[in-house]
Amino acid sequence: MQITTAPEAGDVLRGTPVSPGHVTGRARVILDPRIDGPMLPGEVLVAPVTDAGWTPLFALAVGLVVDMGSALSHGSTVAREYGLPAVVNVRSGTTAIRTGDLIAIDGAAGTVMVLSRAGDDAG
């Protein structure tokens, strides 16, 4: 099931698994690295697509969710180099996930679970 509206806690987004591992962290949705942010250490980077201009953000991130991409895309390659759990081709990550949401990535299964929404007392 592809989620196209804001998910509730417990909903799962699916994509292409590109870098294995499990991580839970607060999301940072960045649409343009030149104007969005700042990215804080320990956050999960959620992006529409990445290229070389995004690379400095990977050093701060604990995981990666990308709307478009494949196993050979920039984000996938850099995530593997940095050892970051990553899921690409999620399609709706930047619209379904909000900055501050607590999310869990399974980089081997290709899933991103919204554990709690930004501002919820449960998170």
N, C-alpha and C. Protein backbone atom coordinates (compact mmCIF):
# COMPACT_ATOMS: atom_id res chain seq x y z
N MET A 1 0.85 -1.18 0.00
CA MET A 1 0.00 0.00 0.00
C MET A 1 0.88 1.24 0.00
N GLN A 2 0.71 2.09 -0.95
CA GLN A 2 1.45 3.35 -1.02
C GLN A 2 0.62 4.42 -0.33
N ILE A 3 1.20 5.10 0.66
CA ILE A 3 0.49 6.14 1.40
C ILE A 3 0.67 7.46 0.67
N THR A 4 -0.44 8.15 0.40
CA THR A 4 -0.36 9.43 -0.30
C THR A 4 -0.78 10.60 0.58
N THR A 5 -1.34 10.31 1.74
CA THR A 5 -1.68 11.36 2.70
C THR A 5 -0.84 11.15 3.94
N ALA A 6 -0.87 12.11 4.84
CA ALA A 6 -0.08 11.99 6.06
C ALA A 6 -0.45 10.72 6.81
N PRO A 7 0.53 9.85 7.06
CA PRO A 7 0.23 8.59 7.73
C PRO A 7 -0.03 8.81 9.22
N GLU A 8 -0.74 7.88 9.78
CA GLU A 8 -0.93 7.85 11.22
C GLU A 8 0.23 7.04 11.81
N ALA A 9 0.43 7.19 13.11
CA ALA A 9 1.45 6.38 13.77
C ALA A 9 1.15 4.90 13.50
N GLY A 10 2.18 4.16 13.15
CA GLY A 10 2.03 2.74 12.84
C GLY A 10 1.93 2.45 11.36
N ASP A 11 1.67 3.45 10.53
CA ASP A 11 1.60 3.25 9.09
C ASP A 11 3.00 3.00 8.53
N VAL A 12 3.05 2.24 7.45
CA VAL A 12 4.32 1.86 6.84
C VAL A 12 4.38 2.35 5.39
N LEU A 13 5.49 3.00 5.06
CA LEU A 13 5.80 3.37 3.67
C LEU A 13 6.76 2.31 3.14
N ARG A 14 6.63 1.96 1.88
CA ARG A 14 7.49 0.94 1.28
C ARG A 14 8.27 1.51 0.10
N GLY A 15 9.49 1.03 -0.03
CA GLY A 15 10.33 1.45 -1.14
C GLY A 15 11.34 0.38 -1.46
N THR A 16 12.42 0.78 -2.08
CA THR A 16 13.49 -0.14 -2.47
C THR A 16 14.56 -0.17 -1.39
N PRO A 17 14.84 -1.33 -0.82
CA PRO A 17 15.91 -1.42 0.17
C PRO A 17 17.27 -1.29 -0.51
N VAL A 18 18.11 -0.36 -0.02
CA VAL A 18 19.39 -0.14 -0.69
C VAL A 18 20.60 -0.17 0.24
N SER A 19 20.37 -0.05 1.53
CA SER A 19 21.47 -0.11 2.48
C SER A 19 20.91 -0.69 3.78
N PRO A 20 21.37 -1.91 4.15
CA PRO A 20 20.75 -2.60 5.27
C PRO A 20 21.02 -1.95 6.62
N GLY A 21 20.18 -2.32 7.55
CA GLY A 21 20.30 -1.85 8.92
C GLY A 21 18.97 -1.33 9.42
N HIS A 22 18.89 -1.16 10.73
CA HIS A 22 17.69 -0.64 11.37
C HIS A 22 18.07 0.61 12.13
N VAL A 23 17.23 1.63 12.05
CA VAL A 23 17.47 2.84 12.82
C VAL A 23 16.13 3.50 13.13
N THR A 24 16.08 4.11 14.29
CA THR A 24 14.92 4.90 14.70
C THR A 24 15.41 6.30 15.00
N GLY A 25 14.72 7.30 14.47
CA GLY A 25 15.14 8.67 14.73
C GLY A 25 14.10 9.66 14.27
N ARG A 26 14.34 10.92 14.60
CA ARG A 26 13.46 12.01 14.18
C ARG A 26 13.77 12.37 12.73
N ALA A 27 12.73 12.57 11.96
CA ALA A 27 12.87 12.90 10.54
C ALA A 27 13.22 14.38 10.36
N ARG A 28 14.02 14.63 9.34
CA ARG A 28 14.29 16.00 8.88
C ARG A 28 14.00 16.00 7.38
N VAL A 29 12.87 16.59 7.00
CA VAL A 29 12.49 16.67 5.60
C VAL A 29 13.19 17.87 4.98
N ILE A 30 14.00 17.60 3.97
CA ILE A 30 14.73 18.66 3.28
C ILE A 30 14.45 18.53 1.79
N LEU A 31 13.85 19.58 1.23
CA LEU A 31 13.53 19.58 -0.19
C LEU A 31 14.66 20.19 -1.01
N ASP A 32 15.42 21.10 -0.42
CA ASP A 32 16.54 21.75 -1.10
C ASP A 32 17.61 22.02 -0.04
N PRO A 33 18.78 21.38 -0.15
CA PRO A 33 19.80 21.53 0.89
C PRO A 33 20.38 22.93 0.99
N ARG A 34 20.16 23.76 -0.04
CA ARG A 34 20.69 25.12 0.01
C ARG A 34 19.82 26.05 0.85
N ILE A 35 18.53 25.71 1.02
CA ILE A 35 17.64 26.62 1.76
C ILE A 35 16.92 25.97 2.93
N ASP A 36 16.77 24.65 2.95
CA ASP A 36 16.07 23.98 4.04
C ASP A 36 17.05 23.57 5.12
N GLY A 37 16.54 23.38 6.30
CA GLY A 37 17.38 22.91 7.39
C GLY A 37 17.27 23.84 8.57
N PRO A 38 18.17 23.76 9.48
CA PRO A 38 19.38 22.95 9.42
C PRO A 38 19.11 21.49 9.77
N MET A 39 19.97 20.63 9.28
CA MET A 39 19.95 19.22 9.64
C MET A 39 20.74 19.08 10.92
N LEU A 40 20.18 18.38 11.89
CA LEU A 40 20.85 18.18 13.17
C LEU A 40 21.45 16.78 13.24
N PRO A 41 22.59 16.63 13.91
CA PRO A 41 23.17 15.29 14.04
C PRO A 41 22.17 14.32 14.64
N GLY A 42 22.11 13.12 14.08
CA GLY A 42 21.24 12.08 14.61
C GLY A 42 19.85 12.04 14.00
N GLU A 43 19.56 12.92 13.05
CA GLU A 43 18.26 12.90 12.40
C GLU A 43 18.29 11.99 11.18
N VAL A 44 17.10 11.58 10.73
CA VAL A 44 16.95 10.80 9.51
C VAL A 44 16.66 11.78 8.38
N LEU A 45 17.48 11.77 7.36
CA LEU A 45 17.29 12.64 6.20
C LEU A 45 16.19 12.08 5.31
N VAL A 46 15.17 12.90 5.04
CA VAL A 46 14.08 12.55 4.13
C VAL A 46 14.14 13.56 2.98
N ALA A 47 14.37 13.06 1.76
CA ALA A 47 14.62 13.94 0.62
C ALA A 47 13.88 13.46 -0.61
N PRO A 48 13.62 14.38 -1.55
CA PRO A 48 12.97 13.96 -2.80
C PRO A 48 13.91 13.19 -3.71
N VAL A 49 15.18 13.61 -3.76
CA VAL A 49 16.23 13.00 -4.57
C VAL A 49 17.53 13.58 -4.04
N THR A 50 18.64 12.92 -4.27
CA THR A 50 19.92 13.49 -3.83
C THR A 50 20.92 13.49 -4.98
N ASP A 51 21.90 14.40 -4.86
CA ASP A 51 23.04 14.44 -5.78
C ASP A 51 24.24 14.87 -4.94
N ALA A 52 25.34 15.18 -5.58
CA ALA A 52 26.57 15.50 -4.84
C ALA A 52 26.39 16.67 -3.86
N GLY A 53 25.50 17.60 -4.14
CA GLY A 53 25.27 18.74 -3.26
C GLY A 53 24.66 18.37 -1.91
N TRP A 54 24.12 17.18 -1.81
CA TRP A 54 23.50 16.71 -0.57
C TRP A 54 24.50 16.00 0.34
N THR A 55 25.66 15.63 -0.16
CA THR A 55 26.61 14.80 0.57
C THR A 55 26.96 15.30 1.97
N PRO A 56 27.14 16.60 2.22
CA PRO A 56 27.45 17.04 3.58
C PRO A 56 26.38 16.67 4.61
N LEU A 57 25.14 16.51 4.19
CA LEU A 57 24.07 16.14 5.11
C LEU A 57 24.17 14.69 5.57
N PHE A 58 24.77 13.84 4.75
CA PHE A 58 24.89 12.43 5.08
C PHE A 58 25.76 12.23 6.34
N ALA A 59 26.72 13.10 6.55
CA ALA A 59 27.59 12.99 7.72
C ALA A 59 26.83 13.22 9.02
N LEU A 60 25.71 13.93 8.97
CA LEU A 60 24.90 14.21 10.15
C LEU A 60 23.78 13.18 10.35
N ALA A 61 23.38 12.53 9.28
CA ALA A 61 22.22 11.65 9.29
C ALA A 61 22.52 10.28 9.90
N VAL A 62 21.45 9.65 10.45
CA VAL A 62 21.56 8.27 10.93
C VAL A 62 20.83 7.31 10.00
N GLY A 63 20.11 7.86 9.02
CA GLY A 63 19.39 7.05 8.05
C GLY A 63 18.91 7.93 6.92
N LEU A 64 18.40 7.29 5.86
CA LEU A 64 18.01 8.01 4.65
C LEU A 64 16.72 7.44 4.07
N VAL A 65 15.79 8.35 3.72
CA VAL A 65 14.57 8.01 3.01
C VAL A 65 14.50 8.95 1.81
N VAL A 66 14.37 8.38 0.59
CA VAL A 66 14.37 9.20 -0.62
C VAL A 66 13.16 8.82 -1.48
N ASP A 67 12.47 9.85 -2.00
CA ASP A 67 11.28 9.62 -2.82
C ASP A 67 11.59 8.89 -4.12
N MET A 68 12.68 9.26 -4.80
CA MET A 68 13.04 8.65 -6.07
C MET A 68 14.45 8.06 -5.96
N GLY A 69 14.69 7.02 -6.71
CA GLY A 69 16.03 6.44 -6.72
C GLY A 69 16.02 4.95 -6.96
N SER A 70 17.22 4.43 -7.09
CA SER A 70 17.42 3.00 -7.33
C SER A 70 18.64 2.56 -6.53
N ALA A 71 18.98 1.31 -6.66
CA ALA A 71 20.14 0.78 -5.94
C ALA A 71 21.44 1.45 -6.37
N LEU A 72 21.47 2.04 -7.56
CA LEU A 72 22.68 2.68 -8.06
C LEU A 72 22.62 4.21 -8.02
N SER A 73 21.58 4.77 -7.45
CA SER A 73 21.46 6.22 -7.38
C SER A 73 22.44 6.80 -6.36
N HIS A 74 22.64 8.12 -6.44
CA HIS A 74 23.59 8.80 -5.56
C HIS A 74 23.32 8.51 -4.09
N GLY A 75 22.09 8.70 -3.63
CA GLY A 75 21.77 8.49 -2.23
C GLY A 75 22.05 7.07 -1.77
N SER A 76 21.74 6.11 -2.61
CA SER A 76 21.98 4.70 -2.27
C SER A 76 23.46 4.41 -2.10
N THR A 77 24.25 4.89 -3.03
CA THR A 77 25.69 4.66 -3.00
C THR A 77 26.33 5.31 -1.78
N VAL A 78 25.99 6.55 -1.52
CA VAL A 78 26.59 7.25 -0.39
C VAL A 78 26.10 6.66 0.93
N ALA A 79 24.83 6.26 1.01
CA ALA A 79 24.33 5.63 2.24
C ALA A 79 25.11 4.36 2.55
N ARG A 80 25.39 3.55 1.54
CA ARG A 80 26.18 2.33 1.77
C ARG A 80 27.59 2.69 2.22
N GLU A 81 28.19 3.71 1.60
CA GLU A 81 29.54 4.12 1.98
C GLU A 81 29.60 4.59 3.43
N TYR A 82 28.54 5.28 3.88
CA TYR A 82 28.48 5.81 5.25
C TYR A 82 27.89 4.80 6.23
N GLY A 83 27.39 3.67 5.75
CA GLY A 83 26.78 2.67 6.63
C GLY A 83 25.43 3.09 7.18
N LEU A 84 24.68 3.90 6.40
CA LEU A 84 23.38 4.39 6.85
C LEU A 84 22.26 3.49 6.33
N PRO A 85 21.37 3.02 7.19
CA PRO A 85 20.20 2.32 6.68
C PRO A 85 19.43 3.24 5.74
N ALA A 86 19.02 2.70 4.58
CA ALA A 86 18.38 3.57 3.59
C ALA A 86 17.33 2.83 2.78
N VAL A 87 16.26 3.59 2.46
CA VAL A 87 15.19 3.12 1.59
C VAL A 87 14.95 4.23 0.58
N VAL A 88 14.98 3.87 -0.72
CA VAL A 88 14.72 4.85 -1.77
C VAL A 88 13.48 4.43 -2.55
N ASN A 89 13.07 5.28 -3.47
CA ASN A 89 11.89 5.04 -4.29
C ASN A 89 10.63 4.87 -3.42
N VAL A 90 10.58 5.62 -2.33
CA VAL A 90 9.43 5.60 -1.43
C VAL A 90 8.26 6.38 -2.04
N ARG A 91 8.56 7.27 -2.94
CA ARG A 91 7.62 8.08 -3.73
C ARG A 91 6.93 9.18 -2.93
N SER A 92 6.50 8.92 -1.71
CA SER A 92 5.73 9.92 -0.97
C SER A 92 6.37 10.28 0.37
N GLY A 93 7.64 9.98 0.55
CA GLY A 93 8.28 10.26 1.83
C GLY A 93 8.25 11.72 2.24
N THR A 94 8.55 12.60 1.29
CA THR A 94 8.62 14.03 1.63
C THR A 94 7.25 14.66 1.84
N THR A 95 6.19 14.00 1.40
CA THR A 95 4.85 14.51 1.65
C THR A 95 4.16 13.79 2.80
N ALA A 96 4.49 12.54 3.03
CA ALA A 96 3.84 11.76 4.09
C ALA A 96 4.53 11.91 5.44
N ILE A 97 5.82 12.22 5.42
CA ILE A 97 6.59 12.36 6.65
C ILE A 97 6.83 13.84 6.90
N ARG A 98 6.72 14.26 8.15
CA ARG A 98 6.98 15.65 8.53
C ARG A 98 8.24 15.72 9.37
N THR A 99 8.93 16.83 9.30
CA THR A 99 10.08 17.05 10.17
C THR A 99 9.63 16.89 11.61
N GLY A 100 10.39 16.11 12.36
CA GLY A 100 10.09 15.86 13.76
C GLY A 100 9.36 14.56 14.01
N ASP A 101 8.79 13.94 12.96
CA ASP A 101 8.15 12.64 13.15
C ASP A 101 9.21 11.62 13.59
N LEU A 102 8.83 10.72 14.48
CA LEU A 102 9.71 9.63 14.87
C LEU A 102 9.45 8.48 13.91
N ILE A 103 10.50 8.08 13.17
CA ILE A 103 10.34 7.03 12.18
C ILE A 103 11.37 5.93 12.40
N ALA A 104 11.04 4.74 11.92
CA ALA A 104 11.94 3.60 11.98
C ALA A 104 12.18 3.10 10.57
N ILE A 105 13.44 2.95 10.21
CA ILE A 105 13.83 2.46 8.89
C ILE A 105 14.35 1.04 9.01
N ASP A 106 13.89 0.17 8.12
CA ASP A 106 14.47 -1.16 7.95
C ASP A 106 15.05 -1.16 6.54
N GLY A 107 16.37 -0.95 6.47
CA GLY A 107 17.05 -0.83 5.18
C GLY A 107 17.17 -2.13 4.43
N ALA A 108 16.91 -3.26 5.07
CA ALA A 108 16.94 -4.55 4.37
C ALA A 108 15.57 -4.90 3.81
N ALA A 109 14.51 -4.53 4.51
CA ALA A 109 13.15 -4.84 4.07
C ALA A 109 12.56 -3.76 3.17
N GLY A 110 13.15 -2.55 3.21
CA GLY A 110 12.63 -1.46 2.40
C GLY A 110 11.40 -0.80 2.99
N THR A 111 11.33 -0.75 4.33
CA THR A 111 10.17 -0.16 4.98
C THR A 111 10.56 1.03 5.85
N VAL A 112 9.62 1.96 5.96
CA VAL A 112 9.75 3.13 6.83
C VAL A 112 8.46 3.21 7.62
N MET A 113 8.53 3.07 8.94
CA MET A 113 7.35 3.11 9.78
C MET A 113 7.30 4.42 10.55
N VAL A 114 6.15 5.07 10.52
CA VAL A 114 5.93 6.27 11.32
C VAL A 114 5.53 5.81 12.72
N LEU A 115 6.39 6.04 13.70
CA LEU A 115 6.13 5.61 15.07
C LEU A 115 5.29 6.63 15.82
N SER A 116 5.57 7.90 15.62
CA SER A 116 4.75 8.95 16.21
C SER A 116 4.90 10.21 15.37
N ARG A 117 3.84 11.01 15.37
CA ARG A 117 3.84 12.24 14.60
C ARG A 117 4.51 13.35 15.40
N ALA A 118 5.10 14.30 14.71
CA ALA A 118 5.73 15.45 15.36
C ALA A 118 4.72 16.12 16.29
N GLY A 119 5.13 16.38 17.51
CA GLY A 119 4.26 17.04 18.47
C GLY A 119 3.40 16.10 19.29
N ASP A 120 3.33 14.82 18.94
CA ASP A 120 2.56 13.86 19.74
C ASP A 120 3.27 13.64 21.07
N ASP A 121 2.52 13.49 22.12
CA ASP A 121 3.09 13.23 23.45
C ASP A 121 3.74 11.86 23.51
N ALA A 122 3.30 10.90 22.67
CA ALA A 122 3.82 9.55 22.71
C ALA A 122 5.26 9.46 22.25
N GLY A 123 5.75 10.42 21.45
CA GLY A 123 7.08 10.35 20.87
C GLY A 123 8.05 10.99 21.75
